[in-house]
């Protein structure tokens, strides 16, 4: 973990960015561990299933937005 933190600091990643990425990866791994079962995953994480659903949805929307921007840049 120390190595990762040092790499992130060296790359000048802001704390908000680091927290967001950690949360996203943590949730993805938890979903994998619980076979994408929202209620079981939310219970394991200690959050409400609606909260988990909203966060997963926001990650998917963010991913789609990034894909569209990359496609637009490549097309130019």
PDB file of N, CA and C in Angstrom:
ATOM      1  N   UNK A   1       0.828  -1.189   0.000  1.00  0.00           N
ATOM      2  CA  UNK A   1       0.000   0.000   0.000  1.00  0.00           C
ATOM      3  C   UNK A   1       0.877   1.259   0.000  1.00  0.00           C
ATOM      4  N   UNK A   2       1.968   1.203   0.749  1.00  0.00           N
ATOM      5  CA  UNK A   2       2.883   2.349   0.811  1.00  0.00           C
ATOM      6  C   UNK A   2       3.438   2.696  -0.568  1.00  0.00           C
ATOM      7  N   UNK A   3       3.797   1.679  -1.318  1.00  0.00           N
ATOM      8  CA  UNK A   3       4.339   1.894  -2.661  1.00  0.00           C
ATOM      9  C   UNK A   3       3.317   2.579  -3.554  1.00  0.00           C
ATOM     10  N   UNK A   4       2.082   2.107  -3.487  1.00  0.00           N
ATOM     11  CA  UNK A   4       1.012   2.698  -4.294  1.00  0.00           C
ATOM     12  C   UNK A   4       0.807   4.163  -3.921  1.00  0.00           C
ATOM     13  N   UNK A   5       0.784   4.455  -2.636  1.00  0.00           N
ATOM     14  CA  UNK A   5       0.600   5.830  -2.187  1.00  0.00           C
ATOM     15  C   UNK A   5       1.737   6.711  -2.688  1.00  0.00           C
ATOM     16  N   UNK A   6       2.962   6.225  -2.586  1.00  0.00           N
ATOM     17  CA  UNK A   6       4.102   7.007  -3.079  1.00  0.00           C
ATOM     18  C   UNK A   6       4.016   7.251  -4.578  1.00  0.00           C
ATOM     19  N   UNK A   7       3.601   6.252  -5.334  1.00  0.00           N
ATOM     20  CA  UNK A   7       3.442   6.412  -6.780  1.00  0.00           C
ATOM     21  C   UNK A   7       2.376   7.447  -7.099  1.00  0.00           C
ATOM     22  N   UNK A   8       1.293   7.413  -6.334  1.00  0.00           N
ATOM     23  CA  UNK A   8       0.218   8.374  -6.561  1.00  0.00           C
ATOM     24  C   UNK A   8       0.672   9.788  -6.227  1.00  0.00           C
ATOM     25  N   UNK A   9       1.423   9.935  -5.131  1.00  0.00           N
ATOM     26  CA  UNK A   9       1.937  11.252  -4.761  1.00  0.00           C
ATOM     27  C   UNK A   9       2.936  11.760  -5.788  1.00  0.00           C
ATOM     28  N   UNK A  10       3.787  10.871  -6.280  1.00  0.00           N
ATOM     29  CA  UNK A  10       4.765  11.252  -7.302  1.00  0.00           C
ATOM     30  C   UNK A  10       4.077  11.668  -8.597  1.00  0.00           C
ATOM     31  N   UNK A  11       2.973  11.027  -8.893  1.00  0.00           N
ATOM     32  CA  UNK A  11       2.209  11.365 -10.096  1.00  0.00           C
ATOM     33  C   UNK A  11       1.294  12.548  -9.893  1.00  0.00           C
ATOM     34  N   UNK A  12       1.321  13.108  -8.700  1.00  0.00           N
ATOM     35  CA  UNK A  12       0.531  14.279  -8.349  1.00  0.00           C
ATOM     36  C   UNK A  12      -0.959  14.061  -8.534  1.00  0.00           C
ATOM     37  N   UNK A  13      -1.440  12.937  -8.031  1.00  0.00           N
ATOM     38  CA  UNK A  13      -2.866  12.658  -8.043  1.00  0.00           C
ATOM     39  C   UNK A  13      -3.467  13.296  -6.806  1.00  0.00           C
ATOM     40  N   UNK A  14      -4.525  14.078  -6.999  1.00  0.00           N
ATOM     41  CA  UNK A  14      -5.172  14.762  -5.889  1.00  0.00           C
ATOM     42  C   UNK A  14      -5.922  13.769  -5.005  1.00  0.00           C
ATOM     43  N   UNK A  15      -6.078  14.123  -3.747  1.00  0.00           N
ATOM     44  CA  UNK A  15      -6.708  13.243  -2.770  1.00  0.00           C
ATOM     45  C   UNK A  15      -8.115  12.835  -3.206  1.00  0.00           C
ATOM     46  N   UNK A  16      -8.920  13.782  -3.678  1.00  0.00           N
ATOM     47  CA  UNK A  16     -10.281  13.447  -4.117  1.00  0.00           C
ATOM     48  C   UNK A  16     -10.273  12.395  -5.224  1.00  0.00           C
ATOM     49  N   UNK A  17      -9.349  12.553  -6.151  1.00  0.00           N
ATOM     50  CA  UNK A  17      -9.202  11.594  -7.245  1.00  0.00           C
ATOM     51  C   UNK A  17      -8.818  10.215  -6.714  1.00  0.00           C
ATOM     52  N   UNK A  18      -7.882  10.193  -5.785  1.00  0.00           N
ATOM     53  CA  UNK A  18      -7.416   8.930  -5.213  1.00  0.00           C
ATOM     54  C   UNK A  18      -8.533   8.224  -4.456  1.00  0.00           C
ATOM     55  N   UNK A  19      -9.286   8.976  -3.683  1.00  0.00           N
ATOM     56  CA  UNK A  19     -10.393   8.400  -2.918  1.00  0.00           C
ATOM     57  C   UNK A  19     -11.453   7.835  -3.855  1.00  0.00           C
ATOM     58  N   UNK A  20     -11.787   8.586  -4.884  1.00  0.00           N
ATOM     59  CA  UNK A  20     -12.797   8.142  -5.849  1.00  0.00           C
ATOM     60  C   UNK A  20     -12.363   6.855  -6.541  1.00  0.00           C
ATOM     61  N   UNK A  21     -11.113   6.799  -6.973  1.00  0.00           N
ATOM     62  CA  UNK A  21     -10.622   5.602  -7.652  1.00  0.00           C
ATOM     63  C   UNK A  21     -10.562   4.405  -6.715  1.00  0.00           C
ATOM     64  N   UNK A  22     -10.126   4.636  -5.474  1.00  0.00           N
ATOM     65  CA  UNK A  22     -10.095   3.550  -4.506  1.00  0.00           C
ATOM     66  C   UNK A  22     -11.490   3.001  -4.268  1.00  0.00           C
ATOM     67  N   UNK A  23     -12.454   3.895  -4.057  1.00  0.00           N
ATOM     68  CA  UNK A  23     -13.834   3.470  -3.809  1.00  0.00           C
ATOM     69  C   UNK A  23     -14.372   2.653  -4.979  1.00  0.00           C
ATOM     70  N   UNK A  24     -14.124   3.134  -6.172  1.00  0.00           N
ATOM     71  CA  UNK A  24     -14.601   2.447  -7.372  1.00  0.00           C
ATOM     72  C   UNK A  24     -14.027   1.033  -7.461  1.00  0.00           C
ATOM     73  N   UNK A  25     -12.732   0.903  -7.285  1.00  0.00           N
ATOM     74  CA  UNK A  25     -12.096  -0.414  -7.341  1.00  0.00           C
ATOM     75  C   UNK A  25     -12.556  -1.321  -6.200  1.00  0.00           C
ATOM     76  N   UNK A  26     -12.704  -0.754  -5.023  1.00  0.00           N
ATOM     77  CA  UNK A  26     -13.152  -1.511  -3.856  1.00  0.00           C
ATOM     78  C   UNK A  26     -14.546  -2.082  -4.099  1.00  0.00           C
ATOM     79  N   UNK A  27     -15.426  -1.255  -4.631  1.00  0.00           N
ATOM     80  CA  UNK A  27     -16.790  -1.700  -4.922  1.00  0.00           C
ATOM     81  C   UNK A  27     -16.789  -2.745  -6.034  1.00  0.00           C
ATOM     82  N   UNK A  28     -15.985  -2.543  -7.068  1.00  0.00           N
ATOM     83  CA  UNK A  28     -15.914  -3.523  -8.153  1.00  0.00           C
ATOM     84  C   UNK A  28     -15.474  -4.887  -7.639  1.00  0.00           C
ATOM     85  N   UNK A  29     -14.453  -4.915  -6.787  1.00  0.00           N
ATOM     86  CA  UNK A  29     -13.977  -6.190  -6.230  1.00  0.00           C
ATOM     87  C   UNK A  29     -15.023  -6.835  -5.336  1.00  0.00           C
ATOM     88  N   UNK A  30     -15.711  -6.024  -4.557  1.00  0.00           N
ATOM     89  CA  UNK A  30     -16.759  -6.552  -3.681  1.00  0.00           C
ATOM     90  C   UNK A  30     -17.894  -7.144  -4.514  1.00  0.00           C
ATOM     91  N   UNK A  31     -18.254  -6.476  -5.592  1.00  0.00           N
ATOM     92  CA  UNK A  31     -19.299  -7.009  -6.477  1.00  0.00           C
ATOM     93  C   UNK A  31     -18.865  -8.336  -7.090  1.00  0.00           C
ATOM     94  N   UNK A  32     -17.609  -8.410  -7.522  1.00  0.00           N
ATOM     95  CA  UNK A  32     -17.092  -9.669  -8.074  1.00  0.00           C
ATOM     96  C   UNK A  32     -17.164 -10.780  -7.036  1.00  0.00           C
ATOM     97  N   UNK A  33     -16.784 -10.465  -5.827  1.00  0.00           N
ATOM     98  CA  UNK A  33     -16.771 -11.453  -4.747  1.00  0.00           C
ATOM     99  C   UNK A  33     -18.181 -11.971  -4.445  1.00  0.00           C
ATOM    100  N   UNK A  34     -19.177 -11.121  -4.657  1.00  0.00           N
ATOM    101  CA  UNK A  34     -20.564 -11.493  -4.357  1.00  0.00           C
ATOM    102  C   UNK A  34     -21.385 -11.707  -5.628  1.00  0.00           C
ATOM    103  N   UNK A  35     -20.710 -12.064  -6.706  1.00  0.00           N
ATOM    104  CA  UNK A  35     -21.345 -12.405  -7.987  1.00  0.00           C
ATOM    105  C   UNK A  35     -22.318 -11.331  -8.468  1.00  0.00           C
ATOM    106  N   UNK A  36     -21.915 -10.077  -8.333  1.00  0.00           N
ATOM    107  CA  UNK A  36     -22.704  -8.917  -8.767  1.00  0.00           C
ATOM    108  C   UNK A  36     -24.069  -8.815  -8.083  1.00  0.00           C
ATOM    109  N   UNK A  37     -24.220  -9.432  -6.934  1.00  0.00           N
ATOM    110  CA  UNK A  37     -25.468  -9.358  -6.170  1.00  0.00           C
ATOM    111  C   UNK A  37     -25.431  -8.077  -5.338  1.00  0.00           C
ATOM    112  N   UNK A  38     -26.279  -7.112  -5.699  1.00  0.00           N
ATOM    113  CA  UNK A  38     -26.254  -5.785  -5.092  1.00  0.00           C
ATOM    114  C   UNK A  38     -26.515  -5.834  -3.582  1.00  0.00           C
ATOM    115  N   UNK A  39     -27.553  -6.522  -3.161  1.00  0.00           N
ATOM    116  CA  UNK A  39     -27.900  -6.545  -1.735  1.00  0.00           C
ATOM    117  C   UNK A  39     -26.813  -7.188  -0.886  1.00  0.00           C
ATOM    118  N   UNK A  40     -26.278  -8.313  -1.346  1.00  0.00           N
ATOM    119  CA  UNK A  40     -25.212  -8.983  -0.589  1.00  0.00           C
ATOM    120  C   UNK A  40     -23.961  -8.112  -0.528  1.00  0.00           C
ATOM    121  N   UNK A  41     -23.633  -7.479  -1.640  1.00  0.00           N
ATOM    122  CA  UNK A  41     -22.457  -6.622  -1.686  1.00  0.00           C
ATOM    123  C   UNK A  41     -22.633  -5.412  -0.778  1.00  0.00           C
ATOM    124  N   UNK A  42     -23.802  -4.785  -0.848  1.00  0.00           N
ATOM    125  CA  UNK A  42     -24.074  -3.618  -0.003  1.00  0.00           C
ATOM    126  C   UNK A  42     -23.975  -3.994   1.471  1.00  0.00           C
ATOM    127  N   UNK A  43     -24.513  -5.138   1.815  1.00  0.00           N
ATOM    128  CA  UNK A  43     -24.451  -5.607   3.199  1.00  0.00           C
ATOM    129  C   UNK A  43     -22.999  -5.803   3.631  1.00  0.00           C
ATOM    130  N   UNK A  44     -22.205  -6.411   2.779  1.00  0.00           N
ATOM    131  CA  UNK A  44     -20.797  -6.640   3.098  1.00  0.00           C
ATOM    132  C   UNK A  44     -20.024  -5.325   3.247  1.00  0.00           C
ATOM    133  N   UNK A  45     -20.419  -4.315   2.477  1.00  0.00           N
ATOM    134  CA  UNK A  45     -19.751  -3.014   2.527  1.00  0.00           C
ATOM    135  C   UNK A  45     -20.285  -2.127   3.644  1.00  0.00           C
ATOM    136  N   UNK A  46     -21.437  -2.507   4.195  1.00  0.00           N
ATOM    137  CA  UNK A  46     -22.034  -1.708   5.260  1.00  0.00           C
ATOM    138  C   UNK A  46     -22.750  -0.473   4.766  1.00  0.00           C
ATOM    139  N   UNK A  47     -23.261  -0.538   3.534  1.00  0.00           N
ATOM    140  CA  UNK A  47     -24.028   0.579   2.973  1.00  0.00           C
ATOM    141  C   UNK A  47     -25.374   0.062   2.483  1.00  0.00           C
ATOM    142  N   UNK A  48     -26.310   0.970   2.250  1.00  0.00           N
ATOM    143  CA  UNK A  48     -27.628   0.588   1.755  1.00  0.00           C
ATOM    144  C   UNK A  48     -27.520   0.199   0.288  1.00  0.00           C
ATOM    145  N   UNK A  49     -28.350  -0.743  -0.126  1.00  0.00           N
ATOM    146  CA  UNK A  49     -28.283  -1.214  -1.519  1.00  0.00           C
ATOM    147  C   UNK A  49     -28.590  -0.097  -2.517  1.00  0.00           C
ATOM    148  N   UNK A  50     -29.460   0.856  -2.138  1.00  0.00           N
ATOM    149  CA  UNK A  50     -29.745   1.977  -3.037  1.00  0.00           C
ATOM    150  C   UNK A  50     -28.510   2.855  -3.241  1.00  0.00           C
ATOM    151  N   UNK A  51     -27.741   3.033  -2.175  1.00  0.00           N
ATOM    152  CA  UNK A  51     -26.504   3.801  -2.267  1.00  0.00           C
ATOM    153  C   UNK A  51     -25.527   3.106  -3.213  1.00  0.00           C
ATOM    154  N   UNK A  52     -25.403   1.794  -3.058  1.00  0.00           N
ATOM    155  CA  UNK A  52     -24.515   1.029  -3.931  1.00  0.00           C
ATOM    156  C   UNK A  52     -24.976   1.117  -5.383  1.00  0.00           C
ATOM    157  N   UNK A  53     -26.265   0.962  -5.608  1.00  0.00           N
ATOM    158  CA  UNK A  53     -26.804   1.039  -6.977  1.00  0.00           C
ATOM    159  C   UNK A  53     -26.511   2.388  -7.612  1.00  0.00           C
ATOM    160  N   UNK A  54     -26.685   3.467  -6.848  1.00  0.00           N
ATOM    161  CA  UNK A  54     -26.421   4.814  -7.374  1.00  0.00           C
ATOM    162  C   UNK A  54     -24.947   4.986  -7.728  1.00  0.00           C
ATOM    163  N   UNK A  55     -24.078   4.481  -6.870  1.00  0.00           N
ATOM    164  CA  UNK A  55     -22.643   4.621  -7.140  1.00  0.00           C
ATOM    165  C   UNK A  55     -22.228   3.817  -8.360  1.00  0.00           C
ATOM    166  N   UNK A  56     -22.725   2.598  -8.476  1.00  0.00           N
ATOM    167  CA  UNK A  56     -22.406   1.767  -9.642  1.00  0.00           C
ATOM    168  C   UNK A  56     -22.915   2.450 -10.905  1.00  0.00           C
ATOM    169  N   UNK A  57     -24.116   2.992 -10.841  1.00  0.00           N
ATOM    170  CA  UNK A  57     -24.687   3.697 -11.989  1.00  0.00           C
ATOM    171  C   UNK A  57     -23.840   4.909 -12.363  1.00  0.00           C
ATOM    172  N   UNK A  58     -23.376   5.648 -11.372  1.00  0.00           N
ATOM    173  CA  UNK A  58     -22.549   6.827 -11.663  1.00  0.00           C
ATOM    174  C   UNK A  58     -21.219   6.417 -12.295  1.00  0.00           C
ATOM    175  N   UNK A  59     -20.651   5.279 -11.867  1.00  0.00           N
ATOM    176  CA  UNK A  59     -19.405   4.794 -12.474  1.00  0.00           C
ATOM    177  C   UNK A  59     -19.633   4.442 -13.941  1.00  0.00           C
ATOM    178  N   UNK A  60     -20.777   3.826 -14.225  1.00  0.00           N
ATOM    179  CA  UNK A  60     -21.084   3.441 -15.594  1.00  0.00           C
ATOM    180  C   UNK A  60     -21.285   4.673 -16.471  1.00  0.00           C
ATOM    181  N   UNK A  61     -21.950   5.698 -15.934  1.00  0.00           N
ATOM    182  CA  UNK A  61     -22.166   6.931 -16.695  1.00  0.00           C
ATOM    183  C   UNK A  61     -20.848   7.642 -16.967  1.00  0.00           C
ATOM    184  N   UNK A  62     -19.992   7.678 -15.963  1.00  0.00           N
ATOM    185  CA  UNK A  62     -18.679   8.300 -16.118  1.00  0.00           C
ATOM    186  C   UNK A  62     -17.869   7.571 -17.175  1.00  0.00           C
ATOM    187  N   UNK A  63     -17.935   6.245 -17.150  1.00  0.00           N
ATOM    188  CA  UNK A  63     -17.204   5.436 -18.119  1.00  0.00           C
ATOM    189  C   UNK A  63     -17.697   5.702 -19.538  1.00  0.00           C
ATOM    190  N   UNK A  64     -19.015   5.826 -19.705  1.00  0.00           N
ATOM    191  CA  UNK A  64     -19.582   6.107 -21.027  1.00  0.00           C
ATOM    192  C   UNK A  64     -19.154   7.481 -21.519  1.00  0.00           C
ATOM    193  N   UNK A  65     -19.140   8.462 -20.622  1.00  0.00           N
ATOM    194  CA  UNK A  65     -18.722   9.814 -20.992  1.00  0.00           C
ATOM    195  C   UNK A  65     -17.274   9.832 -21.453  1.00  0.00           C
ATOM    196  N   UNK A  66     -16.412   9.119 -20.733  1.00  0.00           N
ATOM    197  CA  UNK A  66     -15.000   9.058 -21.108  1.00  0.00           C
ATOM    198  C   UNK A  66     -14.838   8.393 -22.465  1.00  0.00           C
ATOM    199  N   UNK A  67     -15.611   7.332 -22.714  1.00  0.00           N
ATOM    200  CA  UNK A  67     -15.524   6.626 -23.997  1.00  0.00           C
ATOM    201  C   UNK A  67     -15.933   7.538 -25.145  1.00  0.00           C
ATOM    202  N   UNK A  68     -16.978   8.326 -24.938  1.00  0.00           N
ATOM    203  CA  UNK A  68     -17.436   9.244 -25.982  1.00  0.00           C
ATOM    204  C   UNK A  68     -16.387  10.309 -26.273  1.00  0.00           C
ATOM    205  N   UNK A  69     -15.764  10.833 -25.210  1.00  0.00           N
ATOM    206  CA  UNK A  69     -14.730  11.848 -25.397  1.00  0.00           C
ATOM    207  C   UNK A  69     -13.526  11.268 -26.138  1.00  0.00           C
ATOM    208  N   UNK A  70     -13.127  10.057 -25.790  1.00  0.00           N
ATOM    209  CA  UNK A  70     -11.992   9.429 -26.474  1.00  0.00           C
ATOM    210  C   UNK A  70     -12.313   9.180 -27.934  1.00  0.00           C
ATOM    211  N   UNK A  71     -13.531   8.727 -28.231  1.00  0.00           N
ATOM    212  CA  UNK A  71     -13.935   8.491 -29.608  1.00  0.00           C
ATOM    213  C   UNK A  71     -13.922   9.778 -30.416  1.00  0.00           C
ATOM    214  N   UNK A  72     -14.385  10.849 -29.799  1.00  0.00           N
ATOM    215  CA  UNK A  72     -14.409  12.137 -30.471  1.00  0.00           C
ATOM    216  C   UNK A  72     -12.993  12.634 -30.767  1.00  0.00           C
ATOM    217  N   UNK A  73     -12.082  12.427 -29.829  1.00  0.00           N
ATOM    218  CA  UNK A  73     -10.686  12.857 -30.037  1.00  0.00           C
ATOM    219  C   UNK A  73     -10.030  12.048 -31.149  1.00  0.00           C
ATOM    220  N   UNK A  74     -10.322  10.758 -31.194  1.00  0.00           N
ATOM    221  CA  UNK A  74      -9.717   9.892 -32.220  1.00  0.00           C
ATOM    222  C   UNK A  74     -10.244  10.213 -33.597  1.00  0.00           C
ATOM    223  N   UNK A  75     -11.494  10.651 -33.656  1.00  0.00           N
ATOM    224  CA  UNK A  75     -12.115  10.964 -34.945  1.00  0.00           C
ATOM    225  C   UNK A  75     -11.618  12.234 -35.573  1.00  0.00           C
ATOM    226  N   UNK A  76     -10.965  13.093 -34.781  1.00  0.00           N
ATOM    227  CA  UNK A  76     -10.481  14.379 -35.293  1.00  0.00           C
ATOM    228  C   UNK A  76      -9.231  14.233 -36.092  1.00  0.00           C
TER     229      UNK A  76
END
